[in-house]
Amino acid sequence: MDKNGKKLAIFAHSGTYDKLYQTVTIAVTAASMGRDVYMFLFFWALKRFVEEGGLETMDFPPEYGEEGPALEQRMKALNPTSLQDMLDEVKKTGKIKIYACSASVKYMGLDDKKVMGKVDEVVGLPVILQMAEDSDVQLFI
């Protein structure tokens, strides 16, 4: 933990690109500012983190209509750095830890070895809640 002890807990549930983008960029920014960041992955967010190239596929909900493809083009033009590259770079600082919910691993039918290759640890809800309770900020995305 850093000197000021500030922690951020992010509960990531959704697997749409816009919500994954927010999850990763908030985590990366907070870690770059010296906060310890705990990312807790559930359901579709977990599945996207585990799938090969899952953080790179820009898929926006159908209700975004034509704005979805337009947003994708603008994002690619304005920020060519991939989410995975951003996350990998900042994870080297040790400020971001990624955890998978053990129940979500089972519910989503994910391979345990693949999951362990993408997260720091697989934990249950009691551990997640204990880790998150002393965080200064908790976000559900």
N, C-alpha and C. Protein backbone atom coordinates (compact mmCIF):
# COMPACT_ATOMS: atom_id res chain seq x y z
N MET A 1 0.84 -1.18 0.00
CA MET A 1 0.00 0.00 0.00
C MET A 1 0.89 1.24 0.00
N ASP A 2 0.36 2.32 -0.59
CA ASP A 2 1.16 3.53 -0.65
C ASP A 2 1.11 4.29 0.66
N LYS A 3 1.88 5.37 0.76
CA LYS A 3 2.02 6.12 2.00
C LYS A 3 0.70 6.68 2.52
N ASN A 4 -0.14 7.15 1.62
CA ASN A 4 -1.38 7.76 2.09
C ASN A 4 -2.49 6.72 2.30
N GLY A 5 -2.27 5.49 1.92
CA GLY A 5 -3.20 4.41 2.21
C GLY A 5 -4.51 4.45 1.46
N LYS A 6 -4.63 5.28 0.45
CA LYS A 6 -5.89 5.38 -0.28
C LYS A 6 -6.07 4.18 -1.19
N LYS A 7 -7.31 3.64 -1.15
CA LYS A 7 -7.63 2.47 -1.95
C LYS A 7 -8.92 2.69 -2.73
N LEU A 8 -8.98 2.09 -3.89
CA LEU A 8 -10.15 2.12 -4.75
C LEU A 8 -10.56 0.69 -5.04
N ALA A 9 -11.83 0.38 -4.84
CA ALA A 9 -12.38 -0.93 -5.19
C ALA A 9 -13.37 -0.74 -6.34
N ILE A 10 -13.17 -1.49 -7.41
CA ILE A 10 -14.08 -1.44 -8.55
C ILE A 10 -14.72 -2.82 -8.70
N PHE A 11 -16.04 -2.83 -8.65
CA PHE A 11 -16.81 -4.04 -8.89
C PHE A 11 -17.27 -3.98 -10.34
N ALA A 12 -16.65 -4.78 -11.21
CA ALA A 12 -16.95 -4.74 -12.65
C ALA A 12 -17.85 -5.91 -13.01
N HIS A 13 -19.01 -5.60 -13.54
CA HIS A 13 -20.01 -6.61 -13.86
C HIS A 13 -20.29 -6.67 -15.36
N SER A 14 -20.39 -5.53 -16.00
CA SER A 14 -20.80 -5.47 -17.40
C SER A 14 -19.65 -5.76 -18.35
N GLY A 15 -19.98 -6.35 -19.47
CA GLY A 15 -18.96 -6.68 -20.46
C GLY A 15 -19.01 -5.86 -21.72
N THR A 16 -19.81 -4.79 -21.73
CA THR A 16 -19.81 -3.95 -22.92
C THR A 16 -18.56 -3.08 -22.90
N TYR A 17 -18.10 -2.75 -24.09
CA TYR A 17 -16.82 -2.06 -24.19
C TYR A 17 -16.81 -0.73 -23.45
N ASP A 18 -17.89 0.03 -23.50
CA ASP A 18 -17.90 1.33 -22.84
C ASP A 18 -17.70 1.18 -21.34
N LYS A 19 -18.28 0.16 -20.74
CA LYS A 19 -18.13 -0.05 -19.30
C LYS A 19 -16.76 -0.65 -18.97
N LEU A 20 -16.25 -1.50 -19.84
CA LEU A 20 -14.89 -2.01 -19.64
C LEU A 20 -13.88 -0.88 -19.75
N TYR A 21 -14.11 0.02 -20.70
CA TYR A 21 -13.24 1.17 -20.88
C TYR A 21 -13.19 2.00 -19.60
N GLN A 22 -14.37 2.27 -19.03
CA GLN A 22 -14.42 3.04 -17.79
C GLN A 22 -13.71 2.30 -16.66
N THR A 23 -13.94 1.02 -16.55
CA THR A 23 -13.31 0.22 -15.50
C THR A 23 -11.79 0.32 -15.59
N VAL A 24 -11.25 0.08 -16.77
CA VAL A 24 -9.80 0.07 -16.95
C VAL A 24 -9.21 1.46 -16.81
N THR A 25 -9.82 2.46 -17.43
CA THR A 25 -9.22 3.79 -17.38
C THR A 25 -9.30 4.40 -15.98
N ILE A 26 -10.36 4.14 -15.25
CA ILE A 26 -10.43 4.62 -13.87
C ILE A 26 -9.37 3.92 -13.03
N ALA A 27 -9.23 2.61 -13.20
CA ALA A 27 -8.22 1.85 -12.44
C ALA A 27 -6.81 2.33 -12.75
N VAL A 28 -6.52 2.49 -14.02
CA VAL A 28 -5.19 2.92 -14.45
C VAL A 28 -4.88 4.33 -13.94
N THR A 29 -5.84 5.22 -14.02
CA THR A 29 -5.64 6.58 -13.55
C THR A 29 -5.41 6.62 -12.05
N ALA A 30 -6.25 5.91 -11.31
CA ALA A 30 -6.10 5.90 -9.85
C ALA A 30 -4.76 5.31 -9.44
N ALA A 31 -4.35 4.21 -10.08
CA ALA A 31 -3.06 3.60 -9.77
C ALA A 31 -1.91 4.55 -10.10
N SER A 32 -2.04 5.26 -11.21
CA SER A 32 -1.00 6.22 -11.61
C SER A 32 -0.90 7.38 -10.62
N MET A 33 -1.99 7.64 -9.90
CA MET A 33 -2.02 8.70 -8.90
C MET A 33 -1.60 8.18 -7.52
N GLY A 34 -1.19 6.92 -7.45
CA GLY A 34 -0.67 6.37 -6.20
C GLY A 34 -1.65 5.55 -5.38
N ARG A 35 -2.87 5.40 -5.85
CA ARG A 35 -3.84 4.59 -5.11
C ARG A 35 -3.60 3.11 -5.37
N ASP A 36 -3.92 2.29 -4.37
CA ASP A 36 -4.00 0.85 -4.57
C ASP A 36 -5.38 0.58 -5.13
N VAL A 37 -5.44 -0.22 -6.18
CA VAL A 37 -6.71 -0.49 -6.86
C VAL A 37 -7.00 -1.98 -6.83
N TYR A 38 -8.21 -2.30 -6.40
CA TYR A 38 -8.70 -3.68 -6.44
C TYR A 38 -9.80 -3.73 -7.48
N MET A 39 -9.61 -4.54 -8.51
CA MET A 39 -10.64 -4.75 -9.51
C MET A 39 -11.25 -6.13 -9.25
N PHE A 40 -12.55 -6.14 -8.98
CA PHE A 40 -13.27 -7.38 -8.75
C PHE A 40 -14.14 -7.66 -9.96
N LEU A 41 -13.88 -8.78 -10.64
CA LEU A 41 -14.56 -9.09 -11.89
C LEU A 41 -15.66 -10.12 -11.68
N PHE A 42 -16.83 -9.81 -12.22
CA PHE A 42 -18.00 -10.68 -12.14
C PHE A 42 -18.57 -10.88 -13.55
N PHE A 43 -19.25 -11.97 -13.76
CA PHE A 43 -20.03 -12.29 -14.95
C PHE A 43 -19.37 -11.85 -16.26
N TRP A 44 -20.04 -10.93 -17.00
CA TRP A 44 -19.57 -10.59 -18.34
C TRP A 44 -18.26 -9.82 -18.35
N ALA A 45 -18.01 -9.02 -17.35
CA ALA A 45 -16.71 -8.34 -17.28
C ALA A 45 -15.61 -9.38 -17.13
N LEU A 46 -15.82 -10.35 -16.28
CA LEU A 46 -14.84 -11.42 -16.10
C LEU A 46 -14.62 -12.18 -17.41
N LYS A 47 -15.71 -12.52 -18.07
CA LYS A 47 -15.59 -13.27 -19.32
C LYS A 47 -14.77 -12.49 -20.35
N ARG A 48 -15.02 -11.18 -20.46
CA ARG A 48 -14.28 -10.38 -21.42
C ARG A 48 -12.80 -10.27 -21.05
N PHE A 49 -12.47 -10.18 -19.78
CA PHE A 49 -11.08 -10.13 -19.35
C PHE A 49 -10.36 -11.43 -19.68
N VAL A 50 -11.07 -12.54 -19.61
CA VAL A 50 -10.46 -13.86 -19.79
C VAL A 50 -10.34 -14.23 -21.27
N GLU A 51 -11.31 -13.84 -22.08
CA GLU A 51 -11.28 -14.17 -23.51
C GLU A 51 -10.09 -13.53 -24.19
N GLU A 52 -9.52 -14.24 -25.13
CA GLU A 52 -8.41 -13.69 -25.92
C GLU A 52 -8.90 -12.48 -26.70
N GLY A 53 -8.25 -11.35 -26.51
CA GLY A 53 -8.65 -10.13 -27.20
C GLY A 53 -9.93 -9.52 -26.67
N GLY A 54 -10.40 -9.98 -25.53
CA GLY A 54 -11.68 -9.54 -25.00
C GLY A 54 -11.75 -8.06 -24.66
N LEU A 55 -10.62 -7.47 -24.31
CA LEU A 55 -10.63 -6.04 -23.99
C LEU A 55 -10.48 -5.17 -25.24
N GLU A 56 -10.24 -5.80 -26.36
CA GLU A 56 -9.99 -5.04 -27.59
C GLU A 56 -11.22 -4.93 -28.49
N THR A 57 -12.17 -5.81 -28.33
CA THR A 57 -13.36 -5.81 -29.17
C THR A 57 -14.30 -4.69 -28.73
N MET A 58 -14.50 -3.75 -29.61
CA MET A 58 -15.40 -2.64 -29.30
C MET A 58 -16.81 -3.03 -29.71
N ASP A 59 -17.61 -3.36 -28.71
CA ASP A 59 -19.01 -3.69 -28.97
C ASP A 59 -19.86 -2.82 -28.06
N PHE A 60 -20.69 -2.04 -28.69
CA PHE A 60 -21.56 -1.16 -27.94
C PHE A 60 -22.98 -1.71 -28.01
N PRO A 61 -23.78 -1.46 -26.98
CA PRO A 61 -25.15 -1.98 -26.96
C PRO A 61 -25.95 -1.49 -28.18
N PRO A 62 -26.88 -2.32 -28.66
CA PRO A 62 -27.68 -1.95 -29.84
C PRO A 62 -28.45 -0.63 -29.66
N GLU A 63 -28.82 -0.32 -28.42
CA GLU A 63 -29.58 0.92 -28.21
C GLU A 63 -28.75 2.17 -28.51
N TYR A 64 -27.44 2.03 -28.69
CA TYR A 64 -26.61 3.17 -29.06
C TYR A 64 -26.80 3.52 -30.54
N GLY A 65 -27.39 2.59 -31.28
CA GLY A 65 -27.69 2.82 -32.70
C GLY A 65 -26.45 3.15 -33.50
N GLU A 66 -26.60 4.12 -34.40
CA GLU A 66 -25.49 4.51 -35.28
C GLU A 66 -24.36 5.19 -34.52
N GLU A 67 -24.65 5.68 -33.34
CA GLU A 67 -23.61 6.35 -32.55
C GLU A 67 -22.53 5.36 -32.11
N GLY A 68 -22.87 4.08 -31.95
CA GLY A 68 -21.90 3.08 -31.55
C GLY A 68 -20.70 3.00 -32.49
N PRO A 69 -20.94 2.75 -33.80
CA PRO A 69 -19.81 2.71 -34.74
C PRO A 69 -19.06 4.05 -34.84
N ALA A 70 -19.80 5.15 -34.74
CA ALA A 70 -19.14 6.47 -34.81
C ALA A 70 -18.23 6.66 -33.59
N LEU A 71 -18.72 6.25 -32.43
CA LEU A 71 -17.92 6.35 -31.21
C LEU A 71 -16.67 5.49 -31.32
N GLU A 72 -16.82 4.29 -31.85
CA GLU A 72 -15.66 3.40 -32.04
C GLU A 72 -14.60 4.07 -32.90
N GLN A 73 -14.99 4.68 -34.00
CA GLN A 73 -14.03 5.35 -34.88
C GLN A 73 -13.32 6.50 -34.17
N ARG A 74 -14.08 7.30 -33.42
CA ARG A 74 -13.47 8.43 -32.71
C ARG A 74 -12.51 7.95 -31.63
N MET A 75 -12.90 6.91 -30.91
CA MET A 75 -12.03 6.39 -29.84
C MET A 75 -10.73 5.85 -30.41
N LYS A 76 -10.81 5.12 -31.50
CA LYS A 76 -9.61 4.57 -32.13
C LYS A 76 -8.69 5.69 -32.64
N ALA A 77 -9.28 6.74 -33.17
CA ALA A 77 -8.48 7.86 -33.69
C ALA A 77 -7.84 8.67 -32.57
N LEU A 78 -8.57 8.88 -31.48
CA LEU A 78 -8.08 9.74 -30.41
C LEU A 78 -7.20 9.02 -29.39
N ASN A 79 -7.38 7.72 -29.25
CA ASN A 79 -6.60 6.97 -28.27
C ASN A 79 -6.24 5.60 -28.84
N PRO A 80 -5.15 5.53 -29.59
CA PRO A 80 -4.78 4.26 -30.23
C PRO A 80 -4.22 3.21 -29.26
N THR A 81 -3.93 3.58 -28.01
CA THR A 81 -3.42 2.61 -27.04
C THR A 81 -4.55 1.71 -26.59
N SER A 82 -4.33 0.41 -26.66
CA SER A 82 -5.39 -0.53 -26.30
C SER A 82 -5.59 -0.58 -24.79
N LEU A 83 -6.78 -0.99 -24.39
CA LEU A 83 -7.07 -1.15 -22.96
C LEU A 83 -6.11 -2.15 -22.33
N GLN A 84 -5.86 -3.24 -23.03
CA GLN A 84 -4.98 -4.27 -22.49
C GLN A 84 -3.57 -3.73 -22.29
N ASP A 85 -3.08 -2.95 -23.26
CA ASP A 85 -1.74 -2.38 -23.13
C ASP A 85 -1.66 -1.39 -21.97
N MET A 86 -2.70 -0.56 -21.81
CA MET A 86 -2.73 0.39 -20.69
C MET A 86 -2.69 -0.37 -19.37
N LEU A 87 -3.53 -1.37 -19.26
CA LEU A 87 -3.63 -2.14 -18.03
C LEU A 87 -2.32 -2.88 -17.74
N ASP A 88 -1.77 -3.52 -18.75
CA ASP A 88 -0.51 -4.26 -18.56
C ASP A 88 0.61 -3.35 -18.09
N GLU A 89 0.69 -2.17 -18.66
CA GLU A 89 1.76 -1.23 -18.30
C GLU A 89 1.65 -0.78 -16.84
N VAL A 90 0.46 -0.41 -16.43
CA VAL A 90 0.29 0.11 -15.07
C VAL A 90 0.31 -1.02 -14.04
N LYS A 91 -0.09 -2.21 -14.43
CA LYS A 91 -0.02 -3.35 -13.50
C LYS A 91 1.41 -3.61 -13.04
N LYS A 92 2.37 -3.23 -13.85
CA LYS A 92 3.78 -3.42 -13.49
C LYS A 92 4.16 -2.65 -12.22
N THR A 93 3.39 -1.62 -11.89
CA THR A 93 3.68 -0.83 -10.69
C THR A 93 3.27 -1.57 -9.42
N GLY A 94 2.46 -2.60 -9.56
CA GLY A 94 1.96 -3.33 -8.40
C GLY A 94 0.78 -2.65 -7.73
N LYS A 95 0.29 -1.56 -8.30
CA LYS A 95 -0.82 -0.80 -7.71
C LYS A 95 -2.19 -1.36 -8.07
N ILE A 96 -2.28 -2.18 -9.09
CA ILE A 96 -3.56 -2.76 -9.50
C ILE A 96 -3.53 -4.26 -9.27
N LYS A 97 -4.53 -4.75 -8.59
CA LYS A 97 -4.72 -6.19 -8.40
C LYS A 97 -6.09 -6.55 -8.96
N ILE A 98 -6.13 -7.63 -9.73
CA ILE A 98 -7.37 -8.06 -10.37
C ILE A 98 -7.81 -9.39 -9.77
N TYR A 99 -9.06 -9.43 -9.34
CA TYR A 99 -9.62 -10.61 -8.69
C TYR A 99 -10.86 -11.08 -9.44
N ALA A 100 -10.99 -12.39 -9.57
CA ALA A 100 -12.18 -12.99 -10.18
C ALA A 100 -13.06 -13.55 -9.07
N CYS A 101 -14.35 -13.34 -9.20
CA CYS A 101 -15.31 -13.94 -8.27
C CYS A 101 -15.39 -15.43 -8.59
N SER A 102 -15.19 -16.26 -7.58
CA SER A 102 -15.16 -17.71 -7.80
C SER A 102 -16.49 -18.23 -8.34
N ALA A 103 -17.59 -17.69 -7.87
CA ALA A 103 -18.90 -18.14 -8.38
C ALA A 103 -19.07 -17.75 -9.84
N SER A 104 -18.64 -16.54 -10.21
CA SER A 104 -18.77 -16.09 -11.60
C SER A 104 -17.95 -16.95 -12.54
N VAL A 105 -16.79 -17.42 -12.08
CA VAL A 105 -15.97 -18.31 -12.91
C VAL A 105 -16.78 -19.54 -13.27
N LYS A 106 -17.46 -20.10 -12.30
CA LYS A 106 -18.27 -21.30 -12.53
C LYS A 106 -19.51 -21.00 -13.35
N TYR A 107 -20.24 -19.93 -12.98
CA TYR A 107 -21.47 -19.58 -13.69
C TYR A 107 -21.23 -19.31 -15.16
N MET A 108 -20.10 -18.68 -15.48
CA MET A 108 -19.80 -18.34 -16.86
C MET A 108 -19.13 -19.48 -17.62
N GLY A 109 -18.88 -20.61 -16.93
CA GLY A 109 -18.28 -21.77 -17.58
C GLY A 109 -16.86 -21.53 -18.06
N LEU A 110 -16.11 -20.74 -17.33
CA LEU A 110 -14.75 -20.38 -17.74
C LEU A 110 -13.74 -21.42 -17.28
N ASP A 111 -12.70 -21.57 -18.06
CA ASP A 111 -11.62 -22.49 -17.75
C ASP A 111 -10.75 -21.90 -16.62
N ASP A 112 -10.57 -22.66 -15.55
CA ASP A 112 -9.82 -22.18 -14.39
C ASP A 112 -8.41 -21.72 -14.75
N LYS A 113 -7.74 -22.45 -15.63
CA LYS A 113 -6.37 -22.09 -16.01
C LYS A 113 -6.33 -20.77 -16.78
N LYS A 114 -7.30 -20.58 -17.68
CA LYS A 114 -7.36 -19.32 -18.43
C LYS A 114 -7.62 -18.15 -17.49
N VAL A 115 -8.52 -18.36 -16.55
CA VAL A 115 -8.83 -17.31 -15.59
C VAL A 115 -7.59 -16.94 -14.80
N MET A 116 -6.88 -17.94 -14.29
CA MET A 116 -5.69 -17.68 -13.48
C MET A 116 -4.58 -17.01 -14.29
N GLY A 117 -4.61 -17.16 -15.60
CA GLY A 117 -3.64 -16.47 -16.45
C GLY A 117 -3.94 -14.99 -16.63
N LYS A 118 -5.14 -14.56 -16.23
CA LYS A 118 -5.55 -13.17 -16.45
C LYS A 118 -5.77 -12.39 -15.16
N VAL A 119 -5.91 -13.09 -14.03
CA VAL A 119 -6.18 -12.40 -12.77
C VAL A 119 -5.11 -12.74 -11.75
N ASP A 120 -5.07 -11.96 -10.68
CA ASP A 120 -4.11 -12.22 -9.61
C ASP A 120 -4.58 -13.35 -8.71
N GLU A 121 -5.92 -13.44 -8.55
CA GLU A 121 -6.45 -14.47 -7.65
C GLU A 121 -7.94 -14.64 -7.90
N VAL A 122 -8.42 -15.85 -7.65
CA VAL A 122 -9.85 -16.15 -7.67
C VAL A 122 -10.29 -16.23 -6.22
N VAL A 123 -11.31 -15.42 -5.85
CA VAL A 123 -11.75 -15.35 -4.46
C VAL A 123 -13.27 -15.35 -4.39
N GLY A 124 -13.78 -15.69 -3.22
CA GLY A 124 -15.22 -15.68 -2.98
C GLY A 124 -15.70 -14.34 -2.46
N LEU A 125 -17.01 -14.19 -2.39
CA LEU A 125 -17.60 -12.93 -1.94
C LEU A 125 -17.17 -12.50 -0.54
N PRO A 126 -17.04 -13.41 0.42
CA PRO A 126 -16.58 -12.94 1.75
C PRO A 126 -15.23 -12.23 1.68
N VAL A 127 -14.31 -12.77 0.92
CA VAL A 127 -12.98 -12.15 0.78
C VAL A 127 -13.10 -10.83 0.03
N ILE A 128 -13.90 -10.81 -1.02
CA ILE A 128 -14.09 -9.58 -1.79
C ILE A 128 -14.62 -8.48 -0.89
N LEU A 129 -15.64 -8.78 -0.11
CA LEU A 129 -16.23 -7.77 0.77
C LEU A 129 -15.26 -7.30 1.84
N GLN A 130 -14.46 -8.22 2.38
CA GLN A 130 -13.45 -7.83 3.38
C GLN A 130 -12.42 -6.90 2.77
N MET A 131 -11.98 -7.22 1.55
CA MET A 131 -10.97 -6.38 0.90
C MET A 131 -11.53 -5.01 0.55
N ALA A 132 -12.79 -4.97 0.14
CA ALA A 132 -13.38 -3.72 -0.32
C ALA A 132 -13.81 -2.80 0.83
N GLU A 133 -14.07 -3.37 1.99
CA GLU A 133 -14.64 -2.55 3.06
C GLU A 133 -13.70 -1.45 3.57
N ASP A 134 -12.40 -1.63 3.41
CA ASP A 134 -11.50 -0.56 3.86
C ASP A 134 -11.03 0.33 2.70
N SER A 135 -11.74 0.27 1.57
CA SER A 135 -11.44 1.15 0.44
C SER A 135 -12.10 2.50 0.66
N ASP A 136 -11.40 3.54 0.24
CA ASP A 136 -11.94 4.90 0.35
C ASP A 136 -13.09 5.13 -0.64
N VAL A 137 -12.97 4.51 -1.80
CA VAL A 137 -13.96 4.66 -2.86
C VAL A 137 -14.31 3.28 -3.37
N GLN A 138 -15.61 3.04 -3.58
CA GLN A 138 -16.09 1.80 -4.16
C GLN A 138 -17.00 2.13 -5.33
N LEU A 139 -16.71 1.55 -6.49
CA LEU A 139 -17.50 1.80 -7.69
C LEU A 139 -18.07 0.49 -8.20
N PHE A 140 -19.31 0.54 -8.67
CA PHE A 140 -19.93 -0.61 -9.32
C PHE A 140 -20.16 -0.22 -10.77
N ILE A 141 -19.48 -0.95 -11.68
CA ILE A 141 -19.59 -0.63 -13.10
C ILE A 141 -20.12 -1.85 -13.84
